[in-house]
Amino acid sequence: MDGQHHDGQQVVGRRLEPGRLVLATHNSGKVREIAALLGPFGMDVVAAGDLGLPEPEETGLTFAANAELKALAAATASGLPALADDSGLCVDVLDGAPGIYSARWAGEAKDFTAAMARVHEEMAGGPDSAHFVCALTLAWPDGHFETYEGRVYGTLVWPPRGGLGFGYDAMFVAEGMTETFGEIDPAVKHAMSHRAKAFAQLVAACF
């Protein structure tokens, strides 16, 4: 296996030809967002869950390591190129938590209302600065992969606001904005989110 992890710099990666692409996630919110981002590039997106692929255990200690693990597993199992996202909320006063454990804080039931309440509770009135991180890995069945990382900085609000988005979106206000990611038009979010920034790097390098 050979691969590269790029963090923000302009690079040329392996080109991805139009065709079927496995999205290595079982999160329907991520499927919707990433399928919308991939629409203009002639990719026929199929979710790993729809192919019956198992979810690999996320044993990495960074967003990039987990994205790489998931993308390579899906590409190997399906024989198709695969794209995986590992993303989460990093709260400064919590030393970066929940971080790579953002989904796990929501528990088996994927209850992000409870996860947001836990974040608020553990912050205990401390500074509200936070950022979202997204690592995107594109992997091929031969073991080659490319990883790109994007971040968006902002503050957390309580109580959560808005029913759009997913995950921790309803408590996050990006720098320069007044509405949460749960309140803004999804098209606006897609243009400036952590996922959009990682995706822009990937597109510039691989499409």
N, C-alpha and C. Protein backbone atom coordinates (compact mmCIF):
# COMPACT_ATOMS: atom_id res chain seq x y z
N MET A 1 0.85 -1.19 0.00
CA MET A 1 0.00 0.00 0.00
C MET A 1 0.88 1.24 0.00
N ASP A 2 0.49 2.23 -0.77
CA ASP A 2 1.23 3.49 -0.72
C ASP A 2 0.22 4.62 -0.70
N GLY A 3 0.57 5.67 0.02
CA GLY A 3 -0.39 6.76 0.11
C GLY A 3 0.25 8.02 0.59
N GLN A 4 -0.54 9.08 0.54
CA GLN A 4 -0.04 10.39 0.94
C GLN A 4 -1.10 11.10 1.76
N HIS A 5 -0.62 11.81 2.77
CA HIS A 5 -1.51 12.65 3.58
C HIS A 5 -1.08 14.09 3.35
N HIS A 6 -1.97 14.86 2.76
CA HIS A 6 -1.67 16.26 2.44
C HIS A 6 -2.52 17.15 3.34
N ASP A 7 -1.93 18.15 3.95
CA ASP A 7 -2.68 19.03 4.84
C ASP A 7 -2.60 20.47 4.33
N GLY A 8 -3.45 20.77 3.35
CA GLY A 8 -3.58 22.15 2.91
C GLY A 8 -2.73 22.55 1.73
N GLN A 9 -1.61 21.84 1.48
CA GLN A 9 -0.77 22.29 0.38
C GLN A 9 -1.33 21.85 -0.97
N GLN A 10 -0.99 22.59 -2.02
CA GLN A 10 -1.47 22.26 -3.36
C GLN A 10 -0.67 21.10 -3.90
N VAL A 11 -1.34 20.01 -4.27
CA VAL A 11 -0.63 18.83 -4.74
C VAL A 11 -1.35 18.24 -5.94
N VAL A 12 -0.66 17.35 -6.64
CA VAL A 12 -1.27 16.57 -7.71
C VAL A 12 -1.32 15.13 -7.24
N GLY A 13 -2.52 14.58 -7.15
CA GLY A 13 -2.67 13.20 -6.72
C GLY A 13 -3.01 12.31 -7.90
N ARG A 14 -3.31 11.05 -7.63
CA ARG A 14 -3.73 10.14 -8.68
C ARG A 14 -5.12 10.57 -9.17
N ARG A 15 -5.30 10.56 -10.48
CA ARG A 15 -6.59 10.99 -11.05
C ARG A 15 -7.66 9.92 -10.84
N LEU A 16 -8.86 10.38 -10.57
CA LEU A 16 -10.00 9.49 -10.41
C LEU A 16 -10.89 9.63 -11.64
N GLU A 17 -11.12 8.52 -12.33
CA GLU A 17 -11.96 8.55 -13.53
C GLU A 17 -13.44 8.46 -13.14
N PRO A 18 -14.34 9.08 -13.94
CA PRO A 18 -15.77 8.97 -13.66
C PRO A 18 -16.20 7.51 -13.61
N GLY A 19 -17.19 7.21 -12.77
CA GLY A 19 -17.66 5.84 -12.64
C GLY A 19 -18.16 5.59 -11.23
N ARG A 20 -18.24 4.34 -10.85
CA ARG A 20 -18.76 3.99 -9.52
C ARG A 20 -17.73 4.30 -8.45
N LEU A 21 -18.21 4.83 -7.37
CA LEU A 21 -17.37 5.16 -6.23
C LEU A 21 -18.10 4.74 -4.96
N VAL A 22 -17.42 3.98 -4.12
CA VAL A 22 -18.02 3.56 -2.85
C VAL A 22 -17.78 4.64 -1.81
N LEU A 23 -18.83 5.03 -1.13
CA LEU A 23 -18.70 5.96 -0.02
C LEU A 23 -18.66 5.13 1.26
N ALA A 24 -17.49 5.12 1.90
CA ALA A 24 -17.25 4.22 3.03
C ALA A 24 -17.81 4.80 4.32
N THR A 25 -19.13 4.94 4.36
CA THR A 25 -19.78 5.42 5.58
C THR A 25 -21.15 4.78 5.67
N HIS A 26 -21.64 4.62 6.91
CA HIS A 26 -23.00 4.16 7.14
C HIS A 26 -23.84 5.31 7.70
N ASN A 27 -23.29 6.55 7.61
CA ASN A 27 -23.97 7.74 8.11
C ASN A 27 -24.72 8.40 6.95
N SER A 28 -26.06 8.37 7.01
CA SER A 28 -26.86 8.87 5.89
C SER A 28 -26.65 10.36 5.65
N GLY A 29 -26.37 11.12 6.71
CA GLY A 29 -26.10 12.55 6.56
C GLY A 29 -24.85 12.80 5.73
N LYS A 30 -23.80 12.02 6.00
CA LYS A 30 -22.56 12.16 5.23
C LYS A 30 -22.77 11.71 3.78
N VAL A 31 -23.55 10.65 3.60
CA VAL A 31 -23.83 10.17 2.23
C VAL A 31 -24.48 11.29 1.43
N ARG A 32 -25.47 11.95 2.01
CA ARG A 32 -26.17 13.05 1.31
C ARG A 32 -25.21 14.17 0.97
N GLU A 33 -24.40 14.61 1.95
CA GLU A 33 -23.49 15.74 1.73
C GLU A 33 -22.46 15.42 0.67
N ILE A 34 -21.83 14.25 0.79
CA ILE A 34 -20.73 13.93 -0.12
C ILE A 34 -21.25 13.60 -1.51
N ALA A 35 -22.39 12.95 -1.61
CA ALA A 35 -22.99 12.68 -2.92
C ALA A 35 -23.30 14.00 -3.64
N ALA A 36 -23.77 15.00 -2.87
CA ALA A 36 -24.06 16.31 -3.47
C ALA A 36 -22.77 16.98 -3.97
N LEU A 37 -21.70 16.84 -3.21
CA LEU A 37 -20.42 17.42 -3.61
C LEU A 37 -19.85 16.72 -4.84
N LEU A 38 -20.09 15.41 -4.96
CA LEU A 38 -19.52 14.62 -6.05
C LEU A 38 -20.35 14.68 -7.33
N GLY A 39 -21.60 15.14 -7.19
CA GLY A 39 -22.53 15.15 -8.33
C GLY A 39 -21.95 15.69 -9.63
N PRO A 40 -21.27 16.84 -9.60
CA PRO A 40 -20.79 17.44 -10.85
C PRO A 40 -19.64 16.68 -11.52
N PHE A 41 -19.10 15.65 -10.88
CA PHE A 41 -17.89 15.02 -11.41
C PHE A 41 -18.14 13.66 -12.06
N GLY A 42 -19.41 13.36 -12.34
CA GLY A 42 -19.72 12.13 -13.05
C GLY A 42 -19.52 10.87 -12.23
N MET A 43 -19.57 11.00 -10.90
CA MET A 43 -19.38 9.83 -10.05
C MET A 43 -20.73 9.22 -9.68
N ASP A 44 -20.82 7.91 -9.81
CA ASP A 44 -22.00 7.16 -9.40
C ASP A 44 -21.73 6.65 -7.99
N VAL A 45 -22.26 7.37 -7.01
CA VAL A 45 -21.93 7.10 -5.61
C VAL A 45 -22.82 6.01 -5.03
N VAL A 46 -22.20 5.01 -4.42
CA VAL A 46 -22.95 3.97 -3.72
C VAL A 46 -22.39 3.86 -2.29
N ALA A 47 -23.28 3.81 -1.32
CA ALA A 47 -22.83 3.74 0.08
C ALA A 47 -22.38 2.33 0.43
N ALA A 48 -21.36 2.24 1.28
CA ALA A 48 -20.84 0.95 1.72
C ALA A 48 -21.94 0.10 2.34
N GLY A 49 -22.83 0.74 3.10
CA GLY A 49 -23.93 0.02 3.74
C GLY A 49 -24.84 -0.63 2.72
N ASP A 50 -25.06 0.04 1.57
CA ASP A 50 -25.93 -0.52 0.53
C ASP A 50 -25.29 -1.72 -0.16
N LEU A 51 -23.97 -1.82 -0.09
CA LEU A 51 -23.27 -2.97 -0.66
C LEU A 51 -23.10 -4.09 0.36
N GLY A 52 -23.58 -3.83 1.59
CA GLY A 52 -23.45 -4.84 2.64
C GLY A 52 -22.03 -4.96 3.18
N LEU A 53 -21.21 -3.93 2.97
CA LEU A 53 -19.84 -3.98 3.49
C LEU A 53 -19.85 -3.72 5.00
N PRO A 54 -19.07 -4.46 5.77
CA PRO A 54 -19.03 -4.24 7.22
C PRO A 54 -18.31 -2.94 7.55
N GLU A 55 -18.62 -2.37 8.69
CA GLU A 55 -17.91 -1.19 9.17
C GLU A 55 -16.64 -1.65 9.89
N PRO A 56 -15.47 -1.25 9.39
CA PRO A 56 -14.24 -1.65 10.10
C PRO A 56 -14.14 -0.93 11.44
N GLU A 57 -13.45 -1.53 12.36
CA GLU A 57 -13.24 -0.89 13.65
C GLU A 57 -12.29 0.28 13.48
N GLU A 58 -12.67 1.44 14.02
CA GLU A 58 -11.85 2.64 13.86
C GLU A 58 -10.80 2.67 14.97
N THR A 59 -9.64 2.12 14.65
CA THR A 59 -8.58 1.99 15.66
C THR A 59 -7.53 3.09 15.54
N GLY A 60 -7.67 3.98 14.54
CA GLY A 60 -6.68 5.05 14.37
C GLY A 60 -6.76 6.07 15.49
N LEU A 61 -5.66 6.79 15.68
CA LEU A 61 -5.61 7.81 16.72
C LEU A 61 -5.74 9.23 16.17
N THR A 62 -5.92 9.33 14.85
CA THR A 62 -6.13 10.63 14.21
C THR A 62 -7.28 10.49 13.22
N PHE A 63 -7.84 11.64 12.81
CA PHE A 63 -8.88 11.62 11.79
C PHE A 63 -8.36 10.98 10.51
N ALA A 64 -7.14 11.36 10.10
CA ALA A 64 -6.56 10.83 8.86
C ALA A 64 -6.41 9.32 8.92
N ALA A 65 -5.90 8.80 10.03
CA ALA A 65 -5.68 7.36 10.15
C ALA A 65 -6.99 6.59 10.04
N ASN A 66 -8.05 7.11 10.64
CA ASN A 66 -9.34 6.43 10.57
C ASN A 66 -9.95 6.51 9.17
N ALA A 67 -9.79 7.66 8.50
CA ALA A 67 -10.31 7.79 7.13
C ALA A 67 -9.58 6.82 6.21
N GLU A 68 -8.27 6.71 6.38
CA GLU A 68 -7.48 5.80 5.54
C GLU A 68 -7.89 4.36 5.76
N LEU A 69 -8.06 3.99 7.01
CA LEU A 69 -8.46 2.63 7.37
C LEU A 69 -9.81 2.27 6.71
N LYS A 70 -10.79 3.18 6.79
CA LYS A 70 -12.12 2.92 6.25
C LYS A 70 -12.12 2.87 4.73
N ALA A 71 -11.40 3.80 4.09
CA ALA A 71 -11.37 3.85 2.63
C ALA A 71 -10.69 2.61 2.05
N LEU A 72 -9.57 2.21 2.64
CA LEU A 72 -8.84 1.04 2.14
C LEU A 72 -9.66 -0.23 2.32
N ALA A 73 -10.35 -0.34 3.45
CA ALA A 73 -11.19 -1.53 3.69
C ALA A 73 -12.29 -1.62 2.64
N ALA A 74 -12.94 -0.49 2.35
CA ALA A 74 -14.04 -0.50 1.38
C ALA A 74 -13.54 -0.75 -0.04
N ALA A 75 -12.41 -0.16 -0.40
CA ALA A 75 -11.85 -0.35 -1.75
C ALA A 75 -11.44 -1.80 -1.95
N THR A 76 -10.83 -2.39 -0.95
CA THR A 76 -10.38 -3.77 -1.03
C THR A 76 -11.57 -4.72 -1.13
N ALA A 77 -12.59 -4.48 -0.31
CA ALA A 77 -13.75 -5.37 -0.27
C ALA A 77 -14.62 -5.27 -1.53
N SER A 78 -14.68 -4.07 -2.12
CA SER A 78 -15.59 -3.84 -3.25
C SER A 78 -14.91 -3.94 -4.61
N GLY A 79 -13.58 -3.79 -4.65
CA GLY A 79 -12.89 -3.74 -5.92
C GLY A 79 -13.10 -2.45 -6.68
N LEU A 80 -13.62 -1.43 -5.97
CA LEU A 80 -13.90 -0.13 -6.57
C LEU A 80 -13.15 0.96 -5.79
N PRO A 81 -12.90 2.11 -6.41
CA PRO A 81 -12.37 3.23 -5.62
C PRO A 81 -13.34 3.56 -4.49
N ALA A 82 -12.81 3.98 -3.36
CA ALA A 82 -13.66 4.28 -2.21
C ALA A 82 -13.22 5.59 -1.56
N LEU A 83 -14.21 6.33 -1.08
CA LEU A 83 -13.95 7.59 -0.40
C LEU A 83 -14.47 7.48 1.03
N ALA A 84 -13.63 7.81 1.99
CA ALA A 84 -14.04 7.77 3.39
C ALA A 84 -13.77 9.12 4.03
N ASP A 85 -14.65 9.44 4.96
CA ASP A 85 -14.55 10.70 5.69
C ASP A 85 -14.42 10.34 7.17
N ASP A 86 -13.49 10.98 7.85
CA ASP A 86 -13.52 10.90 9.31
C ASP A 86 -13.49 12.33 9.80
N SER A 87 -14.48 12.67 10.58
CA SER A 87 -14.59 14.07 10.97
C SER A 87 -15.15 14.15 12.38
N GLY A 88 -14.98 15.32 12.97
CA GLY A 88 -15.50 15.49 14.31
C GLY A 88 -15.31 16.90 14.82
N LEU A 89 -15.82 17.09 16.01
CA LEU A 89 -15.79 18.39 16.69
C LEU A 89 -14.68 18.39 17.73
N CYS A 90 -13.84 19.40 17.68
CA CYS A 90 -12.75 19.54 18.65
C CYS A 90 -12.99 20.80 19.48
N VAL A 91 -13.19 20.62 20.77
CA VAL A 91 -13.51 21.75 21.66
C VAL A 91 -12.25 22.12 22.43
N ASP A 92 -11.85 23.39 22.33
CA ASP A 92 -10.57 23.81 22.91
C ASP A 92 -10.49 23.56 24.41
N VAL A 93 -11.55 23.92 25.15
CA VAL A 93 -11.50 23.80 26.61
C VAL A 93 -11.52 22.33 27.06
N LEU A 94 -11.89 21.43 26.13
CA LEU A 94 -11.89 19.99 26.43
C LEU A 94 -10.65 19.30 25.85
N ASP A 95 -9.60 20.10 25.59
CA ASP A 95 -8.35 19.57 25.02
C ASP A 95 -8.59 18.80 23.72
N GLY A 96 -9.52 19.31 22.91
CA GLY A 96 -9.76 18.71 21.60
C GLY A 96 -10.83 17.63 21.58
N ALA A 97 -11.38 17.27 22.74
CA ALA A 97 -12.48 16.29 22.76
C ALA A 97 -13.77 16.95 22.24
N PRO A 98 -14.72 16.17 21.73
CA PRO A 98 -14.68 14.72 21.55
C PRO A 98 -13.78 14.24 20.43
N GLY A 99 -13.39 15.12 19.50
CA GLY A 99 -12.39 14.77 18.49
C GLY A 99 -12.75 13.52 17.71
N ILE A 100 -11.79 12.57 17.63
CA ILE A 100 -12.04 11.36 16.84
C ILE A 100 -13.13 10.49 17.46
N TYR A 101 -13.52 10.81 18.68
CA TYR A 101 -14.59 10.05 19.34
C TYR A 101 -15.96 10.73 19.23
N SER A 102 -16.07 11.72 18.32
CA SER A 102 -17.31 12.50 18.20
C SER A 102 -18.53 11.62 17.98
N ALA A 103 -18.43 10.63 17.11
CA ALA A 103 -19.58 9.75 16.85
C ALA A 103 -19.85 8.86 18.07
N ARG A 104 -18.78 8.43 18.73
CA ARG A 104 -18.96 7.52 19.88
C ARG A 104 -19.64 8.23 21.05
N TRP A 105 -19.45 9.53 21.16
CA TRP A 105 -20.14 10.28 22.23
C TRP A 105 -21.66 10.21 22.04
N ALA A 106 -22.09 9.93 20.80
CA ALA A 106 -23.53 9.83 20.53
C ALA A 106 -24.07 8.44 20.85
N GLY A 107 -23.19 7.50 21.16
CA GLY A 107 -23.60 6.16 21.57
C GLY A 107 -24.14 5.31 20.44
N GLU A 108 -24.54 4.09 20.80
CA GLU A 108 -25.08 3.14 19.82
C GLU A 108 -26.30 3.71 19.10
N ALA A 109 -27.08 4.50 19.81
CA ALA A 109 -28.32 5.04 19.23
C ALA A 109 -28.06 6.25 18.33
N LYS A 110 -26.79 6.67 18.20
CA LYS A 110 -26.44 7.85 17.39
C LYS A 110 -27.26 9.07 17.85
N ASP A 111 -27.34 9.24 19.16
CA ASP A 111 -28.14 10.31 19.75
C ASP A 111 -27.28 11.56 19.93
N PHE A 112 -27.29 12.42 18.91
CA PHE A 112 -26.43 13.60 18.97
C PHE A 112 -27.02 14.70 19.85
N THR A 113 -28.30 14.61 20.17
CA THR A 113 -28.87 15.53 21.15
C THR A 113 -28.19 15.30 22.50
N ALA A 114 -28.03 14.03 22.85
CA ALA A 114 -27.34 13.68 24.10
C ALA A 114 -25.86 14.03 24.02
N ALA A 115 -25.25 13.83 22.85
CA ALA A 115 -23.83 14.14 22.68
C ALA A 115 -23.58 15.64 22.83
N MET A 116 -24.46 16.46 22.26
CA MET A 116 -24.31 17.91 22.39
C MET A 116 -24.49 18.33 23.85
N ALA A 117 -25.43 17.70 24.53
CA ALA A 117 -25.64 18.01 25.94
C ALA A 117 -24.40 17.66 26.77
N ARG A 118 -23.76 16.56 26.42
CA ARG A 118 -22.54 16.15 27.14
C ARG A 118 -21.42 17.17 26.91
N VAL A 119 -21.27 17.62 25.65
CA VAL A 119 -20.26 18.64 25.35
C VAL A 119 -20.52 19.88 26.20
N HIS A 120 -21.76 20.36 26.19
CA HIS A 120 -22.12 21.56 26.95
C HIS A 120 -21.83 21.37 28.43
N GLU A 121 -22.18 20.22 28.96
CA GLU A 121 -22.00 19.94 30.39
C GLU A 121 -20.51 19.91 30.75
N GLU A 122 -19.71 19.24 29.91
CA GLU A 122 -18.29 19.11 30.24
C GLU A 122 -17.53 20.42 30.07
N MET A 123 -18.06 21.31 29.20
CA MET A 123 -17.42 22.63 29.05
C MET A 123 -17.56 23.46 30.32
N ALA A 124 -18.61 23.21 31.07
CA ALA A 124 -18.82 23.86 32.38
C ALA A 124 -18.65 25.38 32.33
N GLY A 125 -19.20 25.97 31.28
CA GLY A 125 -19.14 27.43 31.19
C GLY A 125 -17.80 27.99 30.75
N GLY A 126 -16.89 27.12 30.32
CA GLY A 126 -15.57 27.56 29.87
C GLY A 126 -15.63 28.23 28.50
N PRO A 127 -14.45 28.60 27.95
CA PRO A 127 -14.42 29.24 26.63
C PRO A 127 -15.15 28.39 25.59
N ASP A 128 -15.82 29.08 24.64
CA ASP A 128 -16.67 28.35 23.71
C ASP A 128 -16.04 28.11 22.34
N SER A 129 -14.73 28.33 22.20
CA SER A 129 -14.08 28.15 20.90
C SER A 129 -13.94 26.67 20.56
N ALA A 130 -14.14 26.36 19.28
CA ALA A 130 -14.08 24.97 18.82
C ALA A 130 -13.83 24.97 17.32
N HIS A 131 -13.51 23.81 16.79
CA HIS A 131 -13.40 23.68 15.34
C HIS A 131 -13.81 22.28 14.91
N PHE A 132 -14.28 22.20 13.67
CA PHE A 132 -14.55 20.92 13.04
C PHE A 132 -13.36 20.54 12.18
N VAL A 133 -13.03 19.26 12.17
CA VAL A 133 -11.97 18.73 11.31
C VAL A 133 -12.59 17.65 10.42
N CYS A 134 -12.19 17.62 9.16
CA CYS A 134 -12.59 16.54 8.26
C CYS A 134 -11.36 16.03 7.53
N ALA A 135 -11.10 14.73 7.63
CA ALA A 135 -10.09 14.07 6.81
C ALA A 135 -10.82 13.23 5.77
N LEU A 136 -10.49 13.43 4.51
CA LEU A 136 -11.08 12.66 3.42
C LEU A 136 -9.98 11.81 2.79
N THR A 137 -10.23 10.52 2.68
CA THR A 137 -9.29 9.62 2.02
C THR A 137 -9.95 8.98 0.81
N LEU A 138 -9.27 9.06 -0.32
CA LEU A 138 -9.68 8.38 -1.53
C LEU A 138 -8.72 7.22 -1.73
N ALA A 139 -9.26 6.00 -1.79
CA ALA A 139 -8.41 4.80 -1.90
C ALA A 139 -8.80 3.97 -3.11
N TRP A 140 -7.83 3.30 -3.66
CA TRP A 140 -8.05 2.42 -4.80
C TRP A 140 -7.83 0.96 -4.36
N PRO A 141 -8.40 0.00 -5.12
CA PRO A 141 -8.26 -1.41 -4.73
C PRO A 141 -6.82 -1.90 -4.68
N ASP A 142 -5.90 -1.22 -5.38
CA ASP A 142 -4.49 -1.66 -5.35
C ASP A 142 -3.76 -1.16 -4.10
N GLY A 143 -4.47 -0.44 -3.21
CA GLY A 143 -3.85 0.00 -1.96
C GLY A 143 -3.34 1.43 -1.97
N HIS A 144 -3.39 2.10 -3.13
CA HIS A 144 -2.96 3.51 -3.16
C HIS A 144 -4.04 4.38 -2.52
N PHE A 145 -3.63 5.41 -1.81
CA PHE A 145 -4.62 6.34 -1.23
C PHE A 145 -4.07 7.75 -1.18
N GLU A 146 -5.00 8.70 -1.14
CA GLU A 146 -4.69 10.13 -0.99
C GLU A 146 -5.58 10.66 0.14
N THR A 147 -4.99 11.42 1.06
CA THR A 147 -5.76 11.96 2.18
C THR A 147 -5.62 13.48 2.23
N TYR A 148 -6.75 14.16 2.41
CA TYR A 148 -6.79 15.62 2.47
C TYR A 148 -7.57 16.04 3.71
N GLU A 149 -7.14 17.15 4.33
CA GLU A 149 -7.75 17.55 5.59
C GLU A 149 -8.21 19.00 5.54
N GLY A 150 -9.42 19.25 6.03
CA GLY A 150 -9.96 20.61 6.10
C GLY A 150 -10.46 20.93 7.50
N ARG A 151 -10.45 22.21 7.85
CA ARG A 151 -10.92 22.65 9.17
C ARG A 151 -11.76 23.90 9.03
N VAL A 152 -12.72 24.05 9.95
CA VAL A 152 -13.46 25.30 10.04
C VAL A 152 -13.57 25.66 11.52
N TYR A 153 -13.27 26.92 11.83
CA TYR A 153 -13.20 27.38 13.22
C TYR A 153 -14.45 28.17 13.57
N GLY A 154 -14.80 28.15 14.85
CA GLY A 154 -15.97 28.90 15.29
C GLY A 154 -16.19 28.79 16.78
N THR A 155 -17.44 28.96 17.18
CA THR A 155 -17.80 28.91 18.60
C THR A 155 -19.04 28.03 18.78
N LEU A 156 -19.24 27.60 20.02
CA LEU A 156 -20.39 26.75 20.34
C LEU A 156 -21.45 27.57 21.07
N VAL A 157 -22.71 27.25 20.78
CA VAL A 157 -23.83 27.94 21.45
C VAL A 157 -24.68 26.92 22.19
N TRP A 158 -25.43 27.41 23.16
CA TRP A 158 -26.38 26.56 23.87
C TRP A 158 -27.62 27.39 24.19
N PRO A 159 -28.83 26.89 23.96
CA PRO A 159 -29.12 25.55 23.45
C PRO A 159 -28.90 25.45 21.94
N PRO A 160 -28.87 24.20 21.41
CA PRO A 160 -28.69 24.01 19.97
C PRO A 160 -29.81 24.70 19.19
N ARG A 161 -29.49 25.10 17.95
CA ARG A 161 -30.46 25.82 17.12
C ARG A 161 -30.48 25.25 15.70
N GLY A 162 -31.68 24.96 15.21
CA GLY A 162 -31.85 24.56 13.82
C GLY A 162 -31.94 23.06 13.62
N GLY A 163 -32.73 22.66 12.65
CA GLY A 163 -32.93 21.24 12.38
C GLY A 163 -32.26 20.76 11.11
N LEU A 164 -31.46 21.61 10.48
CA LEU A 164 -30.73 21.20 9.28
C LEU A 164 -29.40 20.59 9.70
N GLY A 165 -28.68 20.03 8.76
CA GLY A 165 -27.39 19.45 9.09
C GLY A 165 -27.54 18.18 9.90
N PHE A 166 -26.46 17.78 10.58
CA PHE A 166 -26.49 16.56 11.39
C PHE A 166 -25.36 16.64 12.40
N GLY A 167 -25.26 15.63 13.25
CA GLY A 167 -24.18 15.62 14.23
C GLY A 167 -24.27 16.80 15.18
N TYR A 168 -23.15 17.53 15.32
CA TYR A 168 -23.07 18.66 16.25
C TYR A 168 -23.39 20.00 15.58
N ASP A 169 -23.91 19.95 14.35
CA ASP A 169 -24.13 21.18 13.57
C ASP A 169 -24.96 22.23 14.30
N ALA A 170 -25.96 21.80 15.06
CA ALA A 170 -26.92 22.74 15.66
C ALA A 170 -26.32 23.56 16.80
N MET A 171 -25.09 23.23 17.24
CA MET A 171 -24.48 24.05 18.29
C MET A 171 -23.22 24.77 17.82
N PHE A 172 -22.91 24.68 16.52
CA PHE A 172 -21.67 25.27 16.00
C PHE A 172 -21.95 26.47 15.11
N VAL A 173 -21.34 27.60 15.44
CA VAL A 173 -21.42 28.81 14.62
C VAL A 173 -20.03 29.10 14.07
N ALA A 174 -19.90 29.07 12.75
CA ALA A 174 -18.59 29.30 12.12
C ALA A 174 -18.20 30.77 12.25
N GLU A 175 -16.89 31.00 12.23
CA GLU A 175 -16.36 32.38 12.31
C GLU A 175 -17.01 33.25 11.25
N GLY A 176 -17.42 34.45 11.66
CA GLY A 176 -18.01 35.40 10.71
C GLY A 176 -19.49 35.19 10.46
N MET A 177 -20.10 34.19 11.12
CA MET A 177 -21.51 33.91 10.92
C MET A 177 -22.28 34.09 12.24
N THR A 178 -23.59 34.21 12.14
CA THR A 178 -24.41 34.32 13.35
C THR A 178 -25.33 33.12 13.52
N GLU A 179 -25.54 32.37 12.44
CA GLU A 179 -26.40 31.19 12.51
C GLU A 179 -25.56 29.93 12.66
N THR A 180 -26.16 28.90 13.27
CA THR A 180 -25.45 27.62 13.41
C THR A 180 -25.47 26.87 12.08
N PHE A 181 -24.63 25.83 12.01
CA PHE A 181 -24.66 24.95 10.84
C PHE A 181 -26.01 24.23 10.73
N GLY A 182 -26.76 24.20 11.82
CA GLY A 182 -28.10 23.60 11.79
C GLY A 182 -29.16 24.54 11.26
N GLU A 183 -28.80 25.84 11.13
CA GLU A 183 -29.76 26.85 10.68
C GLU A 183 -29.51 27.31 9.25
N ILE A 184 -28.25 27.29 8.81
CA ILE A 184 -27.95 27.86 7.50
C ILE A 184 -28.36 26.91 6.38
N ASP A 185 -28.61 27.50 5.22
CA ASP A 185 -28.94 26.73 4.02
C ASP A 185 -27.82 25.72 3.77
N PRO A 186 -28.16 24.44 3.54
CA PRO A 186 -27.12 23.44 3.30
C PRO A 186 -26.14 23.84 2.19
N ALA A 187 -26.63 24.56 1.18
CA ALA A 187 -25.74 24.98 0.08
C ALA A 187 -24.66 25.93 0.59
N VAL A 188 -25.01 26.76 1.57
CA VAL A 188 -24.03 27.68 2.16
C VAL A 188 -23.00 26.89 2.96
N LYS A 189 -23.49 25.92 3.73
CA LYS A 189 -22.58 25.07 4.51
C LYS A 189 -21.64 24.30 3.58
N HIS A 190 -22.19 23.72 2.50
CA HIS A 190 -21.38 22.93 1.57
C HIS A 190 -20.25 23.76 0.97
N ALA A 191 -20.46 25.08 0.90
CA ALA A 191 -19.46 25.94 0.27
C ALA A 191 -18.30 26.30 1.19
N MET A 192 -18.47 26.13 2.52
CA MET A 192 -17.43 26.63 3.42
C MET A 192 -17.11 25.73 4.61
N SER A 193 -17.70 24.55 4.67
CA SER A 193 -17.49 23.67 5.82
C SER A 193 -16.12 22.99 5.78
N HIS A 194 -15.77 22.33 6.88
CA HIS A 194 -14.53 21.55 6.97
C HIS A 194 -14.52 20.48 5.87
N ARG A 195 -15.68 19.87 5.62
CA ARG A 195 -15.77 18.83 4.58
C ARG A 195 -15.55 19.46 3.21
N ALA A 196 -16.13 20.66 3.00
CA ALA A 196 -15.96 21.35 1.71
C ALA A 196 -14.50 21.70 1.47
N LYS A 197 -13.79 22.11 2.52
CA LYS A 197 -12.38 22.49 2.37
C LYS A 197 -11.51 21.28 2.03
N ALA A 198 -11.77 20.16 2.70
CA ALA A 198 -11.03 18.94 2.39
C ALA A 198 -11.38 18.47 0.97
N PHE A 199 -12.65 18.58 0.64
CA PHE A 199 -13.12 18.12 -0.66
C PHE A 199 -12.51 18.96 -1.79
N ALA A 200 -12.40 20.27 -1.57
CA ALA A 200 -11.81 21.15 -2.59
C ALA A 200 -10.37 20.74 -2.89
N GLN A 201 -9.62 20.38 -1.86
CA GLN A 201 -8.24 19.93 -2.05
C GLN A 201 -8.20 18.62 -2.85
N LEU A 202 -9.09 17.70 -2.47
CA LEU A 202 -9.14 16.40 -3.14
C LEU A 202 -9.50 16.57 -4.63
N VAL A 203 -10.51 17.42 -4.90
CA VAL A 203 -10.94 17.65 -6.28
C VAL A 203 -9.80 18.26 -7.11
N ALA A 204 -9.11 19.24 -6.52
CA ALA A 204 -8.02 19.90 -7.24
C ALA A 204 -6.91 18.89 -7.60
N ALA A 205 -6.71 17.91 -6.74
CA ALA A 205 -5.61 16.97 -6.95
C ALA A 205 -6.00 15.74 -7.77
N CYS A 206 -7.25 15.29 -7.63
CA CYS A 206 -7.61 13.96 -8.17
C CYS A 206 -8.67 13.97 -9.28
N PHE A 207 -9.26 15.12 -9.59
CA PHE A 207 -10.27 15.15 -10.65
C PHE A 207 -9.79 15.97 -11.85
